[in-house]
């Protein structure tokens, strides 16, 4: 059911290091099963700099099917309001969750904390952040 599907979660920090993690279903990148890539990012979006991967921080690793399937299934089965209330803050942090398949993409973006009406995504976002950290510690560095 997750063949060709992928999930990308990005955290951009105006003042510090962020990350991007991509969780791929079978066939999206690896015919053998699920895998993930993560990179540390930097960019001062307040002053117009695009966020970019920091050199030598891209890592990749296989993800057990049981762990990856839970994330895909949880996100597949939620219902969220498409227009959250305006959110603002001063921490300079943006988040973006993109879910895709062969031809379809859904994208959520927010500033500061996750909007309450999207709280059904919180467990999956925490799991994706955990996978990013696993990649940085245990993953194979990609050049």
Protein backbone atom coordinates (compact mmCIF):
# COMPACT_ATOMS: atom_id res chain seq x y z
CA UNK A 1 0.00 0.00 0.00
CA UNK A 2 2.97 2.35 0.52
CA UNK A 3 4.69 1.49 -2.75
CA UNK A 4 5.99 4.64 -4.39
CA UNK A 5 4.93 6.83 -1.44
CA UNK A 6 7.18 9.25 0.42
CA UNK A 7 7.01 11.67 3.34
CA UNK A 8 9.27 14.71 3.76
CA UNK A 9 9.42 16.69 7.01
CA UNK A 10 11.48 19.89 7.14
CA UNK A 11 12.26 22.12 10.11
CA UNK A 12 13.84 25.46 9.17
CA UNK A 13 15.32 27.58 11.91
CA UNK A 14 16.12 31.22 11.27
CA UNK A 15 18.81 31.16 13.94
CA UNK A 16 20.36 27.72 13.98
CA UNK A 17 20.51 24.32 12.46
CA UNK A 18 17.40 22.64 11.12
CA UNK A 19 16.86 19.34 9.36
CA UNK A 20 15.03 17.62 6.57
CA UNK A 21 14.11 13.94 6.62
CA UNK A 22 12.57 11.90 3.80
CA UNK A 23 10.94 8.55 4.48
CA UNK A 24 10.48 6.47 1.33
CA UNK A 25 8.10 3.59 0.83
CA UNK A 26 9.15 0.60 -1.27
CA UNK A 27 9.94 1.53 -4.89
CA UNK A 28 10.17 5.25 -4.24
CA UNK A 29 13.92 4.83 -3.99
CA UNK A 30 14.69 1.36 -2.69
CA UNK A 31 13.05 -1.71 -4.22
CA UNK A 32 13.93 -3.74 -1.11
CA UNK A 33 11.87 -1.82 1.45
CA UNK A 34 11.65 1.40 3.41
CA UNK A 35 14.54 3.81 3.79
CA UNK A 36 15.18 7.33 4.99
CA UNK A 37 17.58 10.15 4.21
CA UNK A 38 18.24 13.07 6.51
CA UNK A 39 20.29 16.24 6.22
CA UNK A 40 21.08 19.08 8.56
CA UNK A 41 20.08 22.43 7.11
CA UNK A 42 20.92 26.07 7.53
CA UNK A 43 19.56 29.25 6.07
CA UNK A 44 18.48 32.66 7.21
CA UNK A 45 15.03 32.81 5.62
CA UNK A 46 14.28 36.07 7.42
CA UNK A 47 16.97 37.72 5.26
CA UNK A 48 16.00 35.83 2.11
CA UNK A 49 18.56 33.02 2.17
CA UNK A 50 17.26 29.69 0.94
CA UNK A 51 17.60 26.79 3.35
CA UNK A 52 20.22 24.37 2.14
CA UNK A 53 21.80 21.11 3.21
CA UNK A 54 25.01 21.52 5.13
CA UNK A 55 27.99 19.72 3.56
CA UNK A 56 28.76 16.23 4.83
CA UNK A 57 25.52 15.89 6.84
CA UNK A 58 23.40 13.79 4.48
CA UNK A 59 22.85 10.30 5.88
CA UNK A 60 20.77 7.32 4.76
CA UNK A 61 19.57 4.14 6.41
CA UNK A 62 17.04 1.33 6.06
CA UNK A 63 13.94 1.67 8.24
CA UNK A 64 12.12 -1.41 9.55
CA UNK A 65 8.78 -1.95 7.81
CA UNK A 66 6.89 -2.05 11.11
CA UNK A 67 8.23 1.38 12.12
CA UNK A 68 7.69 3.02 8.72
CA UNK A 69 4.23 1.51 8.15
CA UNK A 70 2.94 2.99 11.40
CA UNK A 71 3.91 6.49 10.25
CA UNK A 72 2.41 6.06 6.76
CA UNK A 73 -0.79 4.49 8.15
CA UNK A 74 -1.23 7.12 10.86
CA UNK A 75 -0.95 9.96 8.35
CA UNK A 76 -3.11 8.18 5.79
CA UNK A 77 -5.97 7.86 8.30
CA UNK A 78 -6.15 11.35 9.81
CA UNK A 79 -8.61 14.08 9.01
CA UNK A 80 -7.40 17.66 9.22
CA UNK A 81 -8.95 21.05 8.63
CA UNK A 82 -7.35 22.56 5.50
CA UNK A 83 -7.35 26.15 6.79
CA UNK A 84 -5.94 26.47 10.30
CA UNK A 85 -6.23 29.70 12.27
CA UNK A 86 -3.45 32.22 11.68
CA UNK A 87 -0.43 31.28 13.74
CA UNK A 88 2.45 33.56 14.55
CA UNK A 89 5.35 33.61 16.91
CA UNK A 90 8.84 34.88 17.40
CA UNK A 91 10.98 31.74 17.40
CA UNK A 92 11.82 31.96 13.68
CA UNK A 93 10.98 28.34 13.00
CA UNK A 94 8.95 27.00 10.09
CA UNK A 95 7.84 23.43 9.57
CA UNK A 96 6.72 21.71 6.41
CA UNK A 97 5.24 18.25 5.90
CA UNK A 98 4.91 16.95 2.38
CA UNK A 99 3.25 13.63 1.56
CA UNK A 100 3.49 12.21 -1.91
CA UNK A 101 2.95 9.33 -4.23
CA UNK A 102 3.57 8.79 -7.87
CA UNK A 103 1.51 11.77 -9.08
CA UNK A 104 -0.07 13.24 -5.94
CA UNK A 105 1.29 15.58 -3.27
CA UNK A 106 -0.21 17.13 -0.13
CA UNK A 107 1.71 19.87 1.66
CA UNK A 108 1.28 21.42 5.11
CA UNK A 109 3.34 24.37 6.30
CA UNK A 110 3.24 26.24 9.59
CA UNK A 111 5.16 28.77 11.65
CA UNK A 112 6.22 28.04 15.23
CA UNK A 113 4.07 25.38 16.89
CA UNK A 114 1.80 22.89 15.14
CA UNK A 115 -1.73 24.32 14.80
CA UNK A 116 -4.12 22.65 17.24
CA UNK A 117 -6.40 21.55 14.40
CA UNK A 118 -3.46 19.57 12.93
CA UNK A 119 -2.51 17.90 16.22
CA UNK A 120 -3.38 14.48 14.74
CA UNK A 121 -0.03 14.73 12.89
CA UNK A 122 2.04 15.31 16.05
CA UNK A 123 2.97 11.66 16.76
CA UNK A 124 4.09 11.15 13.16
CA UNK A 125 6.13 14.37 13.19
CA UNK A 126 7.87 13.28 16.39
CA UNK A 127 8.60 9.87 14.85
CA UNK A 128 10.03 11.51 11.72
CA UNK A 129 12.26 13.78 13.83
CA UNK A 130 13.43 10.65 15.65
CA UNK A 131 14.26 8.97 12.34
CA UNK A 132 16.30 12.04 11.34
CA UNK A 133 18.31 11.73 14.55
CA UNK A 134 18.81 7.99 13.94
CA UNK A 135 20.13 8.77 10.46
CA UNK A 136 22.61 11.30 11.84
CA UNK A 137 23.90 8.84 14.46
CA UNK A 138 23.59 5.42 12.77
CA UNK A 139 23.12 6.14 9.07
CA UNK A 140 25.56 5.78 6.24
CA UNK A 141 26.88 9.14 5.04
CA UNK A 142 25.87 9.98 1.46
CA UNK A 143 28.24 12.05 -0.63
